[in-house]
Amino acid sequence: MYTRSDNVFVYYKKDNPENPLGTLVFEPETSKLVSWVLLCQGN
């Protein structure tokens, strides 16, 4: 189950939105990228 957060961006393939490819986490005050996590490299 996904929760909403203003400083987290999840990306996925359009044809398979149930399986995220990765996430980006941003610093709330500066909006700078603080973490990039690759969950799946795909096929």
PDB file of N, CA and C in Angstrom:
ATOM      1  N   MET A   1       0.836  -1.183   0.000  1.00  0.00           N
ATOM      2  CA  MET A   1       0.000   0.000   0.000  1.00  0.00           C
ATOM      3  C   MET A   1       0.880   1.245   0.000  1.00  0.00           C
ATOM      4  N   TYR A   2       0.526   2.213  -0.804  1.00  0.00           N
ATOM      5  CA  TYR A   2       1.305   3.435  -0.914  1.00  0.00           C
ATOM      6  C   TYR A   2       0.682   4.546  -0.072  1.00  0.00           C
ATOM      7  N   THR A   3       1.530   5.373   0.498  1.00  0.00           N
ATOM      8  CA  THR A   3       1.059   6.545   1.230  1.00  0.00           C
ATOM      9  C   THR A   3       1.541   7.787   0.498  1.00  0.00           C
ATOM     10  N   ARG A   4       0.862   8.889   0.698  1.00  0.00           N
ATOM     11  CA  ARG A   4       1.206  10.131   0.019  1.00  0.00           C
ATOM     12  C   ARG A   4       2.181  10.929   0.872  1.00  0.00           C
ATOM     13  N   SER A   5       3.201  11.452   0.225  1.00  0.00           N
ATOM     14  CA  SER A   5       4.151  12.327   0.873  1.00  0.00           C
ATOM     15  C   SER A   5       4.556  13.407  -0.122  1.00  0.00           C
ATOM     16  N   ASP A   6       4.629  14.638   0.328  1.00  0.00           N
ATOM     17  CA  ASP A   6       4.941  15.748  -0.574  1.00  0.00           C
ATOM     18  C   ASP A   6       6.384  15.753  -1.050  1.00  0.00           C
ATOM     19  N   ASN A   7       7.278  15.057  -0.354  1.00  0.00           N
ATOM     20  CA  ASN A   7       8.682  15.087  -0.747  1.00  0.00           C
ATOM     21  C   ASN A   7       9.183  13.761  -1.321  1.00  0.00           C
ATOM     22  N   VAL A   8       8.282  12.858  -1.702  1.00  0.00           N
ATOM     23  CA  VAL A   8       8.667  11.580  -2.289  1.00  0.00           C
ATOM     24  C   VAL A   8       8.016  11.432  -3.659  1.00  0.00           C
ATOM     25  N   PHE A   9       8.819  11.034  -4.647  1.00  0.00           N
ATOM     26  CA  PHE A   9       8.333  10.825  -6.001  1.00  0.00           C
ATOM     27  C   PHE A   9       8.629   9.381  -6.384  1.00  0.00           C
ATOM     28  N   VAL A  10       7.604   8.631  -6.761  1.00  0.00           N
ATOM     29  CA  VAL A  10       7.756   7.235  -7.183  1.00  0.00           C
ATOM     30  C   VAL A  10       7.543   7.180  -8.684  1.00  0.00           C
ATOM     31  N   TYR A  11       8.435   6.492  -9.385  1.00  0.00           N
ATOM     32  CA  TYR A  11       8.265   6.374 -10.834  1.00  0.00           C
ATOM     33  C   TYR A  11       8.104   4.912 -11.224  1.00  0.00           C
ATOM     34  N   TYR A  12       7.379   4.711 -12.330  1.00  0.00           N
ATOM     35  CA  TYR A  12       7.014   3.375 -12.771  1.00  0.00           C
ATOM     36  C   TYR A  12       6.733   3.396 -14.264  1.00  0.00           C
ATOM     37  N   LYS A  13       6.641   2.206 -14.859  1.00  0.00           N
ATOM     38  CA  LYS A  13       6.247   2.101 -16.266  1.00  0.00           C
ATOM     39  C   LYS A  13       4.748   2.302 -16.364  1.00  0.00           C
ATOM     40  N   LYS A  14       4.337   3.004 -17.387  1.00  0.00           N
ATOM     41  CA  LYS A  14       2.929   3.325 -17.581  1.00  0.00           C
ATOM     42  C   LYS A  14       2.055   2.072 -17.694  1.00  0.00           C
ATOM     43  N   ASP A  15       2.579   1.023 -18.305  1.00  0.00           N
ATOM     44  CA  ASP A  15       1.800  -0.194 -18.499  1.00  0.00           C
ATOM     45  C   ASP A  15       1.795  -1.112 -17.272  1.00  0.00           C
ATOM     46  N   ASN A  16       2.547  -0.772 -16.219  1.00  0.00           N
ATOM     47  CA  ASN A  16       2.600  -1.597 -15.016  1.00  0.00           C
ATOM     48  C   ASN A  16       2.747  -0.722 -13.760  1.00  0.00           C
ATOM     49  N   PRO A  17       1.733   0.069 -13.417  1.00  0.00           N
ATOM     50  CA  PRO A  17       1.856   1.000 -12.293  1.00  0.00           C
ATOM     51  C   PRO A  17       1.878   0.347 -10.919  1.00  0.00           C
ATOM     52  N   GLU A  18       1.582  -0.928 -10.825  1.00  0.00           N
ATOM     53  CA  GLU A  18       1.597  -1.611  -9.526  1.00  0.00           C
ATOM     54  C   GLU A  18       3.012  -1.955  -9.064  1.00  0.00           C
ATOM     55  N   ASN A  19       3.989  -1.912  -9.969  1.00  0.00           N
ATOM     56  CA  ASN A  19       5.371  -2.251  -9.635  1.00  0.00           C
ATOM     57  C   ASN A  19       6.281  -1.055  -9.874  1.00  0.00           C
ATOM     58  N   PRO A  20       6.546  -0.251  -8.846  1.00  0.00           N
ATOM     59  CA  PRO A  20       7.390   0.923  -9.021  1.00  0.00           C
ATOM     60  C   PRO A  20       8.820   0.539  -9.392  1.00  0.00           C
ATOM     61  N   LEU A  21       9.453   1.360 -10.221  1.00  0.00           N
ATOM     62  CA  LEU A  21      10.843   1.138 -10.620  1.00  0.00           C
ATOM     63  C   LEU A  21      11.811   1.747  -9.619  1.00  0.00           C
ATOM     64  N   GLY A  22      11.410   2.840  -9.000  1.00  0.00           N
ATOM     65  CA  GLY A  22      12.285   3.504  -8.040  1.00  0.00           C
ATOM     66  C   GLY A  22      11.615   4.679  -7.381  1.00  0.00           C
ATOM     67  N   THR A  23      12.346   5.300  -6.469  1.00  0.00           N
ATOM     68  CA  THR A  23      11.815   6.462  -5.758  1.00  0.00           C
ATOM     69  C   THR A  23      12.872   7.567  -5.670  1.00  0.00           C
ATOM     70  N   LEU A  24      12.395   8.775  -5.605  1.00  0.00           N
ATOM     71  CA  LEU A  24      13.235   9.945  -5.365  1.00  0.00           C
ATOM     72  C   LEU A  24      12.723  10.613  -4.098  1.00  0.00           C
ATOM     73  N   VAL A  25      13.627  10.960  -3.190  1.00  0.00           N
ATOM     74  CA  VAL A  25      13.244  11.631  -1.946  1.00  0.00           C
ATOM     75  C   VAL A  25      13.898  13.006  -1.940  1.00  0.00           C
ATOM     76  N   PHE A  26      13.085  14.026  -1.686  1.00  0.00           N
ATOM     77  CA  PHE A  26      13.557  15.405  -1.706  1.00  0.00           C
ATOM     78  C   PHE A  26      13.526  16.015  -0.312  1.00  0.00           C
ATOM     79  N   GLU A  27      14.463  16.911  -0.049  1.00  0.00           N
ATOM     80  CA  GLU A  27      14.511  17.675   1.196  1.00  0.00           C
ATOM     81  C   GLU A  27      13.337  18.645   1.193  1.00  0.00           C
ATOM     82  N   PRO A  28      12.466  18.603   2.194  1.00  0.00           N
ATOM     83  CA  PRO A  28      11.264  19.452   2.194  1.00  0.00           C
ATOM     84  C   PRO A  28      11.550  20.962   2.159  1.00  0.00           C
ATOM     85  N   GLU A  29      12.593  21.412   2.853  1.00  0.00           N
ATOM     86  CA  GLU A  29      12.855  22.852   2.932  1.00  0.00           C
ATOM     87  C   GLU A  29      13.499  23.412   1.667  1.00  0.00           C
ATOM     88  N   THR A  30      14.423  22.647   1.051  1.00  0.00           N
ATOM     89  CA  THR A  30      15.159  23.160  -0.100  1.00  0.00           C
ATOM     90  C   THR A  30      14.716  22.541  -1.421  1.00  0.00           C
ATOM     91  N   SER A  31      13.943  21.483  -1.364  1.00  0.00           N
ATOM     92  CA  SER A  31      13.491  20.728  -2.541  1.00  0.00           C
ATOM     93  C   SER A  31      14.644  20.099  -3.317  1.00  0.00           C
ATOM     94  N   LYS A  32      15.782  19.896  -2.666  1.00  0.00           N
ATOM     95  CA  LYS A  32      16.919  19.232  -3.296  1.00  0.00           C
ATOM     96  C   LYS A  32      16.807  17.727  -3.116  1.00  0.00           C
ATOM     97  N   LEU A  33      17.307  17.002  -4.106  1.00  0.00           N
ATOM     98  CA  LEU A  33      17.283  15.546  -4.066  1.00  0.00           C
ATOM     99  C   LEU A  33      18.233  15.047  -2.975  1.00  0.00           C
ATOM    100  N   VAL A  34      17.726  14.195  -2.075  1.00  0.00           N
ATOM    101  CA  VAL A  34      18.565  13.645  -1.017  1.00  0.00           C
ATOM    102  C   VAL A  34      18.757  12.142  -1.143  1.00  0.00           C
ATOM    103  N   SER A  35      17.878  11.478  -1.882  1.00  0.00           N
ATOM    104  CA  SER A  35      18.010  10.035  -2.033  1.00  0.00           C
ATOM    105  C   SER A  35      17.353   9.575  -3.315  1.00  0.00           C
ATOM    106  N   TRP A  36      18.010   8.623  -3.972  1.00  0.00           N
ATOM    107  CA  TRP A  36      17.475   8.016  -5.172  1.00  0.00           C
ATOM    108  C   TRP A  36      17.604   6.508  -4.969  1.00  0.00           C
ATOM    109  N   VAL A  37      16.493   5.800  -5.034  1.00  0.00           N
ATOM    110  CA  VAL A  37      16.495   4.353  -4.795  1.00  0.00           C
ATOM    111  C   VAL A  37      15.933   3.648  -6.020  1.00  0.00           C
ATOM    112  N   LEU A  38      16.733   2.769  -6.598  1.00  0.00           N
ATOM    113  CA  LEU A  38      16.294   1.969  -7.736  1.00  0.00           C
ATOM    114  C   LEU A  38      15.741   0.663  -7.198  1.00  0.00           C
ATOM    115  N   LEU A  39      14.454   0.425  -7.388  1.00  0.00           N
ATOM    116  CA  LEU A  39      13.803  -0.777  -6.871  1.00  0.00           C
ATOM    117  C   LEU A  39      13.861  -1.934  -7.846  1.00  0.00           C
ATOM    118  N   CYS A  40      13.755  -1.621  -9.136  1.00  0.00           N
ATOM    119  CA  CYS A  40      13.699  -2.674 -10.148  1.00  0.00           C
ATOM    120  C   CYS A  40      14.284  -2.132 -11.438  1.00  0.00           C
ATOM    121  N   GLN A  41      15.161  -2.898 -12.078  1.00  0.00           N
ATOM    122  CA  GLN A  41      15.772  -2.450 -13.333  1.00  0.00           C
ATOM    123  C   GLN A  41      14.928  -2.813 -14.533  1.00  0.00           C
ATOM    124  N   GLY A  42      13.879  -3.564 -14.344  1.00  0.00           N
ATOM    125  CA  GLY A  42      13.015  -3.932 -15.448  1.00  0.00           C
ATOM    126  C   GLY A  42      13.570  -5.110 -16.234  1.00  0.00           C
ATOM    127  N   ASN A  43      12.952  -5.347 -17.390  1.00  0.00           N
ATOM    128  CA  ASN A  43      13.370  -6.485 -18.207  1.00  0.00           C
ATOM    129  C   ASN A  43      14.324  -6.060 -19.285  1.00  0.00           C
TER     130      ASN A  43
END
